[in-house]
Each structure stands twice: as structure tokens, then as C-alpha cells.
């Protein structure tokens, strides 16, 4: 049995037409539409709730708690999730809290964070952060770690998603030239395809033993926080943005376009990572795939909430009131 150690849920903003001056901010491990239908069915609710916004996030309970703290003065009742704020303020607050709870500073440095089982990791990025993909060509020999690629976040709030999978045939990489490497694995965040996900700006893959070094030096250029992840199984990466950026000639900035030069502090942290011992598990990186033997998985593979309820993993975390 594959074990989930990191999962994803939603923090949502809803509104009821019968209460136009208030919004409801809560969490769910269901689709937000399913949550809205459930609370709309209560006898005391005169009109159905509508979902205005959803954030797919790790640590959704912490995100919800922080949002409620930030908006505590606008909370109508301390025992209810209703706030007398505009939808724009509610959405902006959720976005800020997602970044605070799941940003680089929220992860421990000095240790290796494993990715495996049914892990679904969503990292919230700040503009200028840099990733280094590290790999070992062979489990044996003296080759050591090699930097295979460099990636960059181009806007605050960009999201970097890592999903562990069963094998290499479920993954595709843009940089590898794989067929399907530029297709969005989860273009929508609802069951009927009406709610667009963030724009895909990168799709890459990891093999067991690969490491990702996530570096941030924004506040103190002379210092750098380096968070290190290690793939224990094959993984699919997707990076997306809600604020697309372009370069000086109008070309869109994507994940593997390194616009900045790594700072000396980033170079120093990278050198330390290159000296670390080998991975716990290892498998060769797949060769570029020019055609598919089997179709790539659909959105429900990466976002379990899109599956029929009977096929979803056990629910985790509390439900909203």
C-alpha cells in the first residue's frame, strides 16, 4: 500500500446571494462545488452558495487558520466562517497565506525531504527563486552529483507541483523533448471544466534518486536558503502561474528560462549540495520519448478530487463548519 505523507486540499471563498456583503472562507478536501452543494442543502440556507475562488494547497488547515487570523476583525461570528470583506480582499488574503504557509521559508534546511508514495507537493514560489535539478549518472562509480537543469520562478505566487507516480510511463518532460511534455496535466480545477487552473509554464520529470535544490535569496542577497528534495520514486513536475511574465522582446517566461544570474550565495549552497552523499534509491533517467506506448494519465491521476468518490484516497484533515 502506497502511503500519503503530503497531500492537497482546497481553501475556498464562497458567497451567498442572500448575504451579499459577506463571504465564507473555509477548507475542504472535496471539490469546492461539492462542499458548496452540501452547505446549500441546509434548511436555513435560502439560496445556493457560489464558489468565487479556490486555492489548491498543501497544509490547507494551516492556510485556513492563518486567513481567519488575518481577517479576524472582519469576522462576523467567531464560531462561523463568514467575513464582512469584499471578494477581492478575501482572495488576496488567501493567496498571501498560501505563500506564507508553503513558501521556501516554511521548509527546513539542512535535511533532505523525500518524495514518494502518493505524495502531492505544492510549493508556493516568489519571483527570482531558483531550482537546480541534480542527478547521478550512475549509482556506482565516482561521478557524483551533476546539475542537469536550472529553473526559475518569475512571479510571486507561481506554484510548483510534484507528484510521485508508479513508473516513468506516467510522466513527461518538456526539457527532455517528450511527446506530451507541453500538455497541461490538470487544465481545470472542477469536474466539468469551467474553472481554469493556472497557466502551465513548465512540465518536467524526476527519476528515483534525483534531487531538487530550491533556493531563495530575495531578502538578503548575501545569504541563501536552500531546501533539498529527493525523489524516492518517479515524479511528475508541473509549474504554473496566475501572473504570466514576458521578457524584453515579449516572449513568455517559462520555468526553464533562467532570466537572472544565480547569486554568489546560491552558488555556494549549490556546491554544498553537490558534495552530499548519494541518494537512498536510484534508477536511470528515462530516455526522451518520441511516441507514447500508452496514453499519459488524465487530470484525475494528478488531482484525486476529480475522481469518482469511491476511487478517492481517504480524506485527511478537518472539514469546514
C-alpha atoms as a PDB file:
ATOM      1  CA  UNK A   1       0.000   0.000   0.000  1.00  0.00           C
ATOM      2  CA  UNK A   2       1.377   3.402  -1.016  1.00  0.00           C
ATOM      3  CA  UNK A   3       1.426   5.869   1.875  1.00  0.00           C
ATOM      4  CA  UNK A   4       0.400   9.514   1.566  1.00  0.00           C
ATOM      5  CA  UNK A   5       2.663  11.834   3.544  1.00  0.00           C
ATOM      6  CA  UNK A   6       1.898  15.046   1.644  1.00  0.00           C
ATOM      7  CA  UNK A   7      -1.484  15.768   0.080  1.00  0.00           C
ATOM      8  CA  UNK A   8      -3.517  18.662  -1.262  1.00  0.00           C
ATOM      9  CA  UNK A   9      -6.821  20.266  -0.370  1.00  0.00           C
ATOM     10  CA  UNK A  10      -8.659  23.477  -1.187  1.00  0.00           C
ATOM     11  CA  UNK A  11      -9.106  26.749   0.650  1.00  0.00           C
ATOM     12  CA  UNK A  12     -12.126  28.455  -0.887  1.00  0.00           C
ATOM     13  CA  UNK A  13     -14.013  31.735  -0.951  1.00  0.00           C
ATOM     14  CA  UNK A  14     -17.798  31.431  -1.355  1.00  0.00           C
ATOM     15  CA  UNK A  15     -20.673  33.865  -1.442  1.00  0.00           C
ATOM     16  CA  UNK A  16     -24.406  33.503  -0.949  1.00  0.00           C
ATOM     17  CA  UNK A  17     -26.683  35.940  -2.849  1.00  0.00           C
ATOM     18  CA  UNK A  18     -28.827  36.215   0.278  1.00  0.00           C
ATOM     19  CA  UNK A  19     -25.795  37.655   2.136  1.00  0.00           C
ATOM     20  CA  UNK A  20     -24.130  39.875  -0.493  1.00  0.00           C
ATOM     21  CA  UNK A  21     -21.972  41.802   1.996  1.00  0.00           C
ATOM     22  CA  UNK A  22     -20.232  38.708   3.369  1.00  0.00           C
ATOM     23  CA  UNK A  23     -18.053  35.882   2.103  1.00  0.00           C
ATOM     24  CA  UNK A  24     -17.420  32.433   3.543  1.00  0.00           C
ATOM     25  CA  UNK A  25     -13.786  31.309   3.719  1.00  0.00           C
ATOM     26  CA  UNK A  26     -13.121  27.677   4.558  1.00  0.00           C
ATOM     27  CA  UNK A  27     -11.366  24.480   3.561  1.00  0.00           C
ATOM     28  CA  UNK A  28     -12.333  21.184   2.019  1.00  0.00           C
ATOM     29  CA  UNK A  29     -10.717  18.003   0.769  1.00  0.00           C
ATOM     30  CA  UNK A  30     -13.625  17.655  -1.670  1.00  0.00           C
ATOM     31  CA  UNK A  31     -14.151  19.739  -4.772  1.00  0.00           C
ATOM     32  CA  UNK A  32     -15.370  23.167  -3.615  1.00  0.00           C
ATOM     33  CA  UNK A  33     -18.581  22.694  -5.640  1.00  0.00           C
ATOM     34  CA  UNK A  34     -19.316  19.565  -3.633  1.00  0.00           C
ATOM     35  CA  UNK A  35     -18.780  21.478  -0.408  1.00  0.00           C
ATOM     36  CA  UNK A  36     -20.994  24.330  -1.640  1.00  0.00           C
ATOM     37  CA  UNK A  37     -23.782  21.905  -2.544  1.00  0.00           C
ATOM     38  CA  UNK A  38     -23.603  20.319   0.901  1.00  0.00           C
ATOM     39  CA  UNK A  39     -23.878  23.542   2.893  1.00  0.00           C
ATOM     40  CA  UNK A  40     -26.502  24.904   0.483  1.00  0.00           C
ATOM     41  CA  UNK A  41     -28.706  21.932   1.340  1.00  0.00           C
ATOM     42  CA  UNK A  42     -29.051  23.041   4.978  1.00  0.00           C
ATOM     43  CA  UNK A  43     -32.585  24.036   5.863  1.00  0.00           C
ATOM     44  CA  UNK A  44     -31.662  27.558   6.968  1.00  0.00           C
ATOM     45  CA  UNK A  45     -29.832  28.470   3.725  1.00  0.00           C
ATOM     46  CA  UNK A  46     -32.233  30.414   1.463  1.00  0.00           C
ATOM     47  CA  UNK A  47     -30.142  30.381  -1.751  1.00  0.00           C
ATOM     48  CA  UNK A  48     -27.279  28.217  -3.065  1.00  0.00           C
ATOM     49  CA  UNK A  49     -23.679  29.208  -2.369  1.00  0.00           C
ATOM     50  CA  UNK A  50     -21.421  30.051  -5.304  1.00  0.00           C
ATOM     51  CA  UNK A  51     -17.678  29.378  -5.333  1.00  0.00           C
ATOM     52  CA  UNK A  52     -15.765  32.558  -6.154  1.00  0.00           C
ATOM     53  CA  UNK A  53     -12.223  31.272  -5.713  1.00  0.00           C
ATOM     54  CA  UNK A  54     -10.270  28.170  -4.788  1.00  0.00           C
ATOM     55  CA  UNK A  55      -6.607  27.619  -3.944  1.00  0.00           C
ATOM     56  CA  UNK A  56      -5.201  24.113  -4.287  1.00  0.00           C
ATOM     57  CA  UNK A  57      -2.666  23.875  -1.498  1.00  0.00           C
ATOM     58  CA  UNK A  58      -0.715  21.739   0.911  1.00  0.00           C
ATOM     59  CA  UNK A  59      -1.251  22.312   4.636  1.00  0.00           C
ATOM     60  CA  UNK A  60      -4.742  23.589   3.905  1.00  0.00           C
ATOM     61  CA  UNK A  61      -5.713  23.626   7.575  1.00  0.00           C
ATOM     62  CA  UNK A  62      -2.809  25.953   8.411  1.00  0.00           C
ATOM     63  CA  UNK A  63      -3.652  28.185   5.451  1.00  0.00           C
ATOM     64  CA  UNK A  64      -7.294  28.461   6.539  1.00  0.00           C
ATOM     65  CA  UNK A  65      -6.288  29.220  10.134  1.00  0.00           C
ATOM     66  CA  UNK A  66      -3.904  31.974   9.040  1.00  0.00           C
ATOM     67  CA  UNK A  67      -6.533  33.544   6.762  1.00  0.00           C
ATOM     68  CA  UNK A  68      -9.030  33.581   9.624  1.00  0.00           C
ATOM     69  CA  UNK A  69      -6.430  35.231  11.879  1.00  0.00           C
ATOM     70  CA  UNK A  70      -5.617  37.900   9.294  1.00  0.00           C
ATOM     71  CA  UNK A  71      -9.302  38.747   8.863  1.00  0.00           C
ATOM     72  CA  UNK A  72     -10.333  38.315  12.499  1.00  0.00           C
ATOM     73  CA  UNK A  73     -11.594  41.897  12.813  1.00  0.00           C
ATOM     74  CA  UNK A  74     -13.924  41.363   9.867  1.00  0.00           C
ATOM     75  CA  UNK A  75     -15.246  38.034  11.148  1.00  0.00           C
ATOM     76  CA  UNK A  76     -18.981  38.244  11.744  1.00  0.00           C
ATOM     77  CA  UNK A  77     -19.133  35.450  14.340  1.00  0.00           C
ATOM     78  CA  UNK A  78     -16.095  33.734  15.916  1.00  0.00           C
ATOM     79  CA  UNK A  79     -17.857  30.364  15.568  1.00  0.00           C
ATOM     80  CA  UNK A  80     -18.672  30.812  11.874  1.00  0.00           C
ATOM     81  CA  UNK A  81     -16.552  31.288   8.759  1.00  0.00           C
ATOM     82  CA  UNK A  82     -18.258  34.436   7.494  1.00  0.00           C
ATOM     83  CA  UNK A  83     -16.378  37.684   6.933  1.00  0.00           C
ATOM     84  CA  UNK A  84     -17.552  41.168   6.093  1.00  0.00           C
ATOM     85  CA  UNK A  85     -14.969  41.820   3.362  1.00  0.00           C
ATOM     86  CA  UNK A  86     -15.019  42.089  -0.410  1.00  0.00           C
ATOM     87  CA  UNK A  87     -14.265  39.065  -2.544  1.00  0.00           C
ATOM     88  CA  UNK A  88     -11.078  40.752  -3.805  1.00  0.00           C
ATOM     89  CA  UNK A  89      -9.727  41.199  -0.277  1.00  0.00           C
ATOM     90  CA  UNK A  90     -10.642  37.621   0.631  1.00  0.00           C
ATOM     91  CA  UNK A  91      -8.894  36.207  -2.454  1.00  0.00           C
ATOM     92  CA  UNK A  92      -5.775  38.339  -1.947  1.00  0.00           C
ATOM     93  CA  UNK A  93      -5.565  37.224   1.693  1.00  0.00           C
ATOM     94  CA  UNK A  94      -5.833  33.547   0.753  1.00  0.00           C
ATOM     95  CA  UNK A  95      -3.074  33.937  -1.852  1.00  0.00           C
ATOM     96  CA  UNK A  96      -0.799  35.668   0.676  1.00  0.00           C
ATOM     97  CA  UNK A  97      -1.375  32.962   3.276  1.00  0.00           C
ATOM     98  CA  UNK A  98      -0.743  30.122   0.814  1.00  0.00           C
ATOM     99  CA  UNK A  99       2.627  31.697   0.029  1.00  0.00           C
ATOM    100  CA  UNK A 100       3.457  32.131   3.711  1.00  0.00           C
ATOM    101  CA  UNK A 101       2.491  28.581   4.709  1.00  0.00           C
ATOM    102  CA  UNK A 102       4.001  26.769   1.704  1.00  0.00           C
ATOM    103  CA  UNK A 103       6.849  29.072   0.679  1.00  0.00           C
ATOM    104  CA  UNK A 104      10.568  28.359   0.854  1.00  0.00           C
ATOM    105  CA  UNK A 105      10.908  29.662   4.413  1.00  0.00           C
ATOM    106  CA  UNK A 106       8.315  27.124   5.634  1.00  0.00           C
ATOM    107  CA  UNK A 107      10.615  24.157   4.883  1.00  0.00           C
ATOM    108  CA  UNK A 108      13.542  23.022   6.998  1.00  0.00           C
ATOM    109  CA  UNK A 109      17.030  23.465   5.586  1.00  0.00           C
ATOM    110  CA  UNK A 110      19.865  21.108   6.402  1.00  0.00           C
ATOM    111  CA  UNK A 111      17.815  17.975   5.724  1.00  0.00           C
ATOM    112  CA  UNK A 112      16.611  16.064   2.679  1.00  0.00           C
ATOM    113  CA  UNK A 113      12.854  15.982   2.143  1.00  0.00           C
ATOM    114  CA  UNK A 114      11.878  12.661   0.490  1.00  0.00           C
ATOM    115  CA  UNK A 115       9.136  12.425  -2.145  1.00  0.00           C
ATOM    116  CA  UNK A 116       7.411   9.090  -2.689  1.00  0.00           C
ATOM    117  CA  UNK A 117       4.305   7.036  -2.044  1.00  0.00           C
ATOM    118  CA  UNK A 118       1.265   9.094  -3.062  1.00  0.00           C
ATOM    119  CA  UNK A 119       2.918  12.418  -2.255  1.00  0.00           C
ATOM    120  CA  UNK A 120       1.475  15.526  -3.857  1.00  0.00           C
ATOM    121  CA  UNK A 121       3.573  18.546  -3.016  1.00  0.00           C
ATOM    122  CA  UNK A 122       2.647  22.118  -3.946  1.00  0.00           C
ATOM    123  CA  UNK A 123       5.323  24.731  -3.380  1.00  0.00           C
ATOM    124  CA  UNK A 124       4.419  28.429  -3.423  1.00  0.00           C
ATOM    125  CA  UNK A 125       7.109  30.462  -5.148  1.00  0.00           C
ATOM    126  CA  UNK A 126       8.432  34.004  -5.123  1.00  0.00           C
ATOM    127  CA  UNK A 127       9.869  35.737  -8.170  1.00  0.00           C
ATOM    128  CA  UNK A 128      13.596  35.130  -8.531  1.00  0.00           C
ATOM    129  CA  UNK A 129      13.753  31.813  -6.703  1.00  0.00           C
ATOM    130  CA  UNK A 130      15.910  29.246  -8.481  1.00  0.00           C
ATOM    131  CA  UNK A 131      15.766  25.446  -8.677  1.00  0.00           C
ATOM    132  CA  UNK A 132      18.688  23.189  -9.550  1.00  0.00           C
ATOM    133  CA  UNK A 133      17.961  19.652 -10.766  1.00  0.00           C
ATOM    134  CA  UNK A 134      20.685  17.300  -9.531  1.00  0.00           C
ATOM    135  CA  UNK A 135      21.234  13.730 -10.706  1.00  0.00           C
ATOM    136  CA  UNK A 136      23.806  10.970 -10.509  1.00  0.00           C
ATOM    137  CA  UNK A 137      24.551   9.319 -13.878  1.00  0.00           C
ATOM    138  CA  UNK A 138      25.208   6.015 -12.131  1.00  0.00           C
ATOM    139  CA  UNK A 139      24.654   4.586  -8.693  1.00  0.00           C
ATOM    140  CA  UNK A 140      28.203   3.231  -8.810  1.00  0.00           C
ATOM    141  CA  UNK A 141      31.386   4.977  -9.775  1.00  0.00           C
ATOM    142  CA  UNK A 142      32.948   8.279  -8.839  1.00  0.00           C
ATOM    143  CA  UNK A 143      30.841  10.579 -10.978  1.00  0.00           C
ATOM    144  CA  UNK A 144      28.961  12.149  -8.086  1.00  0.00           C
ATOM    145  CA  UNK A 145      26.183  14.686  -8.478  1.00  0.00           C
ATOM    146  CA  UNK A 146      25.705  16.628 -11.696  1.00  0.00           C
ATOM    147  CA  UNK A 147      23.482  19.687 -12.252  1.00  0.00           C
ATOM    148  CA  UNK A 148      21.146  18.762 -15.114  1.00  0.00           C
ATOM    149  CA  UNK A 149      18.993  21.865 -15.334  1.00  0.00           C
ATOM    150  CA  UNK A 150      18.225  25.249 -13.795  1.00  0.00           C
ATOM    151  CA  UNK A 151      14.698  26.609 -13.354  1.00  0.00           C
ATOM    152  CA  UNK A 152      13.365  29.941 -12.152  1.00  0.00           C
ATOM    153  CA  UNK A 153      10.155  31.352 -10.686  1.00  0.00           C
ATOM    154  CA  UNK A 154       9.119  34.534 -12.484  1.00  0.00           C
ATOM    155  CA  UNK A 155       6.194  35.825 -10.389  1.00  0.00           C
ATOM    156  CA  UNK A 156       5.114  35.752  -6.765  1.00  0.00           C
ATOM    157  CA  UNK A 157       2.510  33.049  -6.258  1.00  0.00           C
ATOM    158  CA  UNK A 158       3.720  30.723  -9.014  1.00  0.00           C
ATOM    159  CA  UNK A 159       3.072  27.120  -7.989  1.00  0.00           C
ATOM    160  CA  UNK A 160       5.486  24.196  -8.318  1.00  0.00           C
ATOM    161  CA  UNK A 161       3.764  20.814  -8.077  1.00  0.00           C
ATOM    162  CA  UNK A 162       5.494  17.453  -7.570  1.00  0.00           C
ATOM    163  CA  UNK A 163       3.508  14.193  -7.752  1.00  0.00           C
ATOM    164  CA  UNK A 164       5.021  10.776  -7.099  1.00  0.00           C
ATOM    165  CA  UNK A 165       3.914   8.073  -9.562  1.00  0.00           C
ATOM    166  CA  UNK A 166       4.268   4.345 -10.160  1.00  0.00           C
ATOM    167  CA  UNK A 167       6.618   4.446 -13.141  1.00  0.00           C
ATOM    168  CA  UNK A 168       8.249   6.508 -15.896  1.00  0.00           C
ATOM    169  CA  UNK A 169       5.473   5.910 -18.438  1.00  0.00           C
ATOM    170  CA  UNK A 170       3.171   8.184 -16.416  1.00  0.00           C
ATOM    171  CA  UNK A 171       5.494  11.179 -16.723  1.00  0.00           C
ATOM    172  CA  UNK A 172       6.589  13.571 -19.460  1.00  0.00           C
ATOM    173  CA  UNK A 173       9.209  16.310 -19.548  1.00  0.00           C
ATOM    174  CA  UNK A 174       9.376  19.441 -21.673  1.00  0.00           C
ATOM    175  CA  UNK A 175      13.159  19.757 -21.371  1.00  0.00           C
ATOM    176  CA  UNK A 176      13.544  16.087 -22.323  1.00  0.00           C
ATOM    177  CA  UNK A 177      11.597  16.651 -25.546  1.00  0.00           C
ATOM    178  CA  UNK A 178       8.969  14.081 -24.580  1.00  0.00           C
ATOM    179  CA  UNK A 179       5.755  13.885 -26.538  1.00  0.00           C
ATOM    180  CA  UNK A 180       3.137  15.379 -24.217  1.00  0.00           C
ATOM    181  CA  UNK A 181       5.784  17.377 -22.368  1.00  0.00           C
ATOM    182  CA  UNK A 182       3.995  20.661 -23.068  1.00  0.00           C
ATOM    183  CA  UNK A 183       0.465  19.418 -22.303  1.00  0.00           C
ATOM    184  CA  UNK A 184      -1.185  20.625 -19.098  1.00  0.00           C
ATOM    185  CA  UNK A 185      -1.836  17.606 -16.847  1.00  0.00           C
ATOM    186  CA  UNK A 186      -4.604  19.439 -14.903  1.00  0.00           C
ATOM    187  CA  UNK A 187      -6.046  22.265 -17.028  1.00  0.00           C
ATOM    188  CA  UNK A 188      -9.164  22.665 -14.860  1.00  0.00           C
ATOM    189  CA  UNK A 189      -9.939  22.551 -11.131  1.00  0.00           C
ATOM    190  CA  UNK A 190     -13.558  21.415 -11.349  1.00  0.00           C
ATOM    191  CA  UNK A 191     -15.346  18.347 -12.646  1.00  0.00           C
ATOM    192  CA  UNK A 192     -16.992  19.966 -15.692  1.00  0.00           C
ATOM    193  CA  UNK A 193     -14.044  22.003 -16.974  1.00  0.00           C
ATOM    194  CA  UNK A 194     -15.338  25.508 -16.266  1.00  0.00           C
ATOM    195  CA  UNK A 195     -12.682  26.614 -13.748  1.00  0.00           C
ATOM    196  CA  UNK A 196      -9.303  27.091 -15.400  1.00  0.00           C
ATOM    197  CA  UNK A 197      -6.160  26.203 -13.497  1.00  0.00           C
ATOM    198  CA  UNK A 198      -3.127  28.488 -13.568  1.00  0.00           C
ATOM    199  CA  UNK A 199      -1.277  28.705 -16.881  1.00  0.00           C
ATOM    200  CA  UNK A 200       1.259  25.910 -17.343  1.00  0.00           C
ATOM    201  CA  UNK A 201       4.807  27.273 -17.645  1.00  0.00           C
ATOM    202  CA  UNK A 202       6.753  24.066 -17.074  1.00  0.00           C
ATOM    203  CA  UNK A 203       6.395  20.291 -17.066  1.00  0.00           C
ATOM    204  CA  UNK A 204       9.339  18.120 -16.064  1.00  0.00           C
ATOM    205  CA  UNK A 205      10.002  14.680 -14.623  1.00  0.00           C
ATOM    206  CA  UNK A 206      12.182  13.118 -11.950  1.00  0.00           C
ATOM    207  CA  UNK A 207      13.695   9.655 -11.668  1.00  0.00           C
ATOM    208  CA  UNK A 208      14.331   7.916  -8.341  1.00  0.00           C
ATOM    209  CA  UNK A 209      17.428   9.461  -6.797  1.00  0.00           C
ATOM    210  CA  UNK A 210      17.097  12.852  -8.478  1.00  0.00           C
ATOM    211  CA  UNK A 211      17.274  15.853  -6.186  1.00  0.00           C
ATOM    212  CA  UNK A 212      15.851  19.358  -6.459  1.00  0.00           C
ATOM    213  CA  UNK A 213      17.551  22.245  -4.683  1.00  0.00           C
ATOM    214  CA  UNK A 214      15.122  25.151  -4.138  1.00  0.00           C
ATOM    215  CA  UNK A 215      16.978  28.394  -3.434  1.00  0.00           C
ATOM    216  CA  UNK A 216      15.809  31.783  -2.221  1.00  0.00           C
ATOM    217  CA  UNK A 217      17.970  34.858  -1.644  1.00  0.00           C
ATOM    218  CA  UNK A 218      15.450  37.669  -2.077  1.00  0.00           C
ATOM    219  CA  UNK A 219      15.707  39.480   1.250  1.00  0.00           C
ATOM    220  CA  UNK A 220      19.442  39.085   1.833  1.00  0.00           C
ATOM    221  CA  UNK A 221      21.464  38.616  -1.379  1.00  0.00           C
ATOM    222  CA  UNK A 222      24.486  37.594   0.697  1.00  0.00           C
ATOM    223  CA  UNK A 223      22.519  34.692   2.208  1.00  0.00           C
ATOM    224  CA  UNK A 224      20.534  31.878   0.633  1.00  0.00           C
ATOM    225  CA  UNK A 225      18.033  29.316   1.903  1.00  0.00           C
ATOM    226  CA  UNK A 226      18.450  26.013   0.105  1.00  0.00           C
ATOM    227  CA  UNK A 227      15.672  23.436   0.550  1.00  0.00           C
ATOM    228  CA  UNK A 228      16.528  19.990  -0.786  1.00  0.00           C
ATOM    229  CA  UNK A 229      14.086  17.347  -2.025  1.00  0.00           C
ATOM    230  CA  UNK A 230      14.911  13.797  -3.134  1.00  0.00           C
ATOM    231  CA  UNK A 231      12.714  11.666  -5.385  1.00  0.00           C
ATOM    232  CA  UNK A 232      12.301   8.156  -3.990  1.00  0.00           C
ATOM    233  CA  UNK A 233      10.092   7.237  -6.961  1.00  0.00           C
ATOM    234  CA  UNK A 234       9.377   8.631 -10.407  1.00  0.00           C
ATOM    235  CA  UNK A 235       7.717  12.038 -10.169  1.00  0.00           C
ATOM    236  CA  UNK A 236       5.826  14.428 -12.419  1.00  0.00           C
ATOM    237  CA  UNK A 237       6.510  18.146 -12.040  1.00  0.00           C
ATOM    238  CA  UNK A 238       4.155  20.889 -13.195  1.00  0.00           C
ATOM    239  CA  UNK A 239       4.749  24.603 -12.693  1.00  0.00           C
ATOM    240  CA  UNK A 240       2.017  27.161 -13.272  1.00  0.00           C
ATOM    241  CA  UNK A 241       1.349  30.861 -12.878  1.00  0.00           C
ATOM    242  CA  UNK A 242      -1.599  33.203 -12.408  1.00  0.00           C
ATOM    243  CA  UNK A 243       0.530  36.186 -13.404  1.00  0.00           C
ATOM    244  CA  UNK A 244       2.312  35.412 -16.713  1.00  0.00           C
ATOM    245  CA  UNK A 245       5.533  37.337 -17.341  1.00  0.00           C
ATOM    246  CA  UNK A 246       7.352  38.175 -20.584  1.00  0.00           C
ATOM    247  CA  UNK A 247      10.928  39.154 -21.386  1.00  0.00           C
ATOM    248  CA  UNK A 248      12.112  42.343 -23.087  1.00  0.00           C
ATOM    249  CA  UNK A 249      11.075  41.109 -26.540  1.00  0.00           C
ATOM    250  CA  UNK A 250       7.669  39.860 -25.436  1.00  0.00           C
ATOM    251  CA  UNK A 251       8.445  36.148 -25.152  1.00  0.00           C
ATOM    252  CA  UNK A 252       6.708  34.347 -22.269  1.00  0.00           C
ATOM    253  CA  UNK A 253       8.924  33.413 -19.343  1.00  0.00           C
ATOM    254  CA  UNK A 254       8.716  29.702 -18.606  1.00  0.00           C
ATOM    255  CA  UNK A 255      10.196  27.546 -15.873  1.00  0.00           C
ATOM    256  CA  UNK A 256      13.404  26.555 -17.651  1.00  0.00           C
ATOM    257  CA  UNK A 257      14.209  30.112 -18.772  1.00  0.00           C
ATOM    258  CA  UNK A 258      16.830  31.365 -16.328  1.00  0.00           C
ATOM    259  CA  UNK A 259      16.481  35.149 -16.500  1.00  0.00           C
ATOM    260  CA  UNK A 260      18.742  36.006 -13.573  1.00  0.00           C
ATOM    261  CA  UNK A 261      22.284  35.068 -12.653  1.00  0.00           C
ATOM    262  CA  UNK A 262      22.494  32.942  -9.507  1.00  0.00           C
ATOM    263  CA  UNK A 263      23.940  34.970  -6.650  1.00  0.00           C
ATOM    264  CA  UNK A 264      27.257  34.001  -5.015  1.00  0.00           C
ATOM    265  CA  UNK A 265      25.234  32.703  -2.060  1.00  0.00           C
ATOM    266  CA  UNK A 266      23.236  30.439  -4.393  1.00  0.00           C
ATOM    267  CA  UNK A 267      26.443  29.164  -5.978  1.00  0.00           C
ATOM    268  CA  UNK A 268      27.845  28.364  -2.524  1.00  0.00           C
ATOM    269  CA  UNK A 269      24.704  26.469  -1.471  1.00  0.00           C
ATOM    270  CA  UNK A 270      24.731  24.535  -4.761  1.00  0.00           C
ATOM    271  CA  UNK A 271      28.337  23.475  -4.218  1.00  0.00           C
ATOM    272  CA  UNK A 272      27.450  22.139  -0.790  1.00  0.00           C
ATOM    273  CA  UNK A 273      24.606  20.095  -2.304  1.00  0.00           C
ATOM    274  CA  UNK A 274      26.979  18.636  -4.897  1.00  0.00           C
ATOM    275  CA  UNK A 275      29.188  17.280  -2.099  1.00  0.00           C
ATOM    276  CA  UNK A 276      26.431  15.353  -0.343  1.00  0.00           C
ATOM    277  CA  UNK A 277      26.363  11.525  -0.312  1.00  0.00           C
ATOM    278  CA  UNK A 278      24.385   9.607  -2.903  1.00  0.00           C
ATOM    279  CA  UNK A 279      20.622   9.014  -2.855  1.00  0.00           C
ATOM    280  CA  UNK A 280      18.770   6.380  -0.899  1.00  0.00           C
ATOM    281  CA  UNK A 281      17.227   4.918  -4.068  1.00  0.00           C
ATOM    282  CA  UNK A 282      18.256   5.260  -7.692  1.00  0.00           C
ATOM    283  CA  UNK A 283      17.036   4.449 -11.184  1.00  0.00           C
ATOM    284  CA  UNK A 284      18.294   5.652 -14.567  1.00  0.00           C
ATOM    285  CA  UNK A 285      16.596   8.675 -16.062  1.00  0.00           C
ATOM    286  CA  UNK A 286      14.285   7.678 -18.932  1.00  0.00           C
ATOM    287  CA  UNK A 287      15.397   8.406 -22.464  1.00  0.00           C
ATOM    288  CA  UNK A 288      13.426  11.065 -24.382  1.00  0.00           C
ATOM    289  CA  UNK A 289      10.142   9.632 -25.599  1.00  0.00           C
ATOM    290  CA  UNK A 290       9.096  10.477 -29.166  1.00  0.00           C
ATOM    291  CA  UNK A 291       5.876   8.474 -29.086  1.00  0.00           C
ATOM    292  CA  UNK A 292       3.570   7.041 -26.448  1.00  0.00           C
ATOM    293  CA  UNK A 293       3.058   3.327 -25.937  1.00  0.00           C
ATOM    294  CA  UNK A 294       0.147   4.194 -23.620  1.00  0.00           C
ATOM    295  CA  UNK A 295      -1.735   7.488 -23.192  1.00  0.00           C
ATOM    296  CA  UNK A 296      -0.485   9.771 -20.445  1.00  0.00           C
ATOM    297  CA  UNK A 297      -2.723   9.832 -17.361  1.00  0.00           C
ATOM    298  CA  UNK A 298      -5.670  12.215 -17.298  1.00  0.00           C
ATOM    299  CA  UNK A 299      -6.262  15.034 -14.785  1.00  0.00           C
ATOM    300  CA  UNK A 300      -7.849  12.702 -12.231  1.00  0.00           C
ATOM    301  CA  UNK A 301      -4.474  10.966 -11.808  1.00  0.00           C
ATOM    302  CA  UNK A 302      -2.913  14.172 -10.504  1.00  0.00           C
ATOM    303  CA  UNK A 303      -5.922  15.698  -8.738  1.00  0.00           C
ATOM    304  CA  UNK A 304      -7.736  12.933  -6.818  1.00  0.00           C
ATOM    305  CA  UNK A 305     -10.751  15.164  -6.150  1.00  0.00           C
ATOM    306  CA  UNK A 306     -11.660  14.767  -9.836  1.00  0.00           C
ATOM    307  CA  UNK A 307     -12.111  11.003  -9.433  1.00  0.00           C
ATOM    308  CA  UNK A 308     -15.409   9.332  -8.560  1.00  0.00           C
ATOM    309  CA  UNK A 309     -15.774   9.455  -4.778  1.00  0.00           C
ATOM    310  CA  UNK A 310     -15.331   5.707  -4.403  1.00  0.00           C
ATOM    311  CA  UNK A 311     -11.892   5.924  -6.049  1.00  0.00           C
ATOM    312  CA  UNK A 312     -10.534   8.797  -3.964  1.00  0.00           C
ATOM    313  CA  UNK A 313      -7.930   8.282  -1.226  1.00  0.00           C
ATOM    314  CA  UNK A 314      -9.078   8.592   2.400  1.00  0.00           C
ATOM    315  CA  UNK A 315      -9.923  12.132   3.383  1.00  0.00           C
ATOM    316  CA  UNK A 316      -7.458  13.939   5.617  1.00  0.00           C
ATOM    317  CA  UNK A 317      -7.822  16.971   7.842  1.00  0.00           C
ATOM    318  CA  UNK A 318     -10.878  18.604   9.300  1.00  0.00           C
ATOM    319  CA  UNK A 319     -13.910  19.784   7.399  1.00  0.00           C
ATOM    320  CA  UNK A 320     -15.173  23.335   7.373  1.00  0.00           C
ATOM    321  CA  UNK A 321     -18.013  24.407   9.594  1.00  0.00           C
END
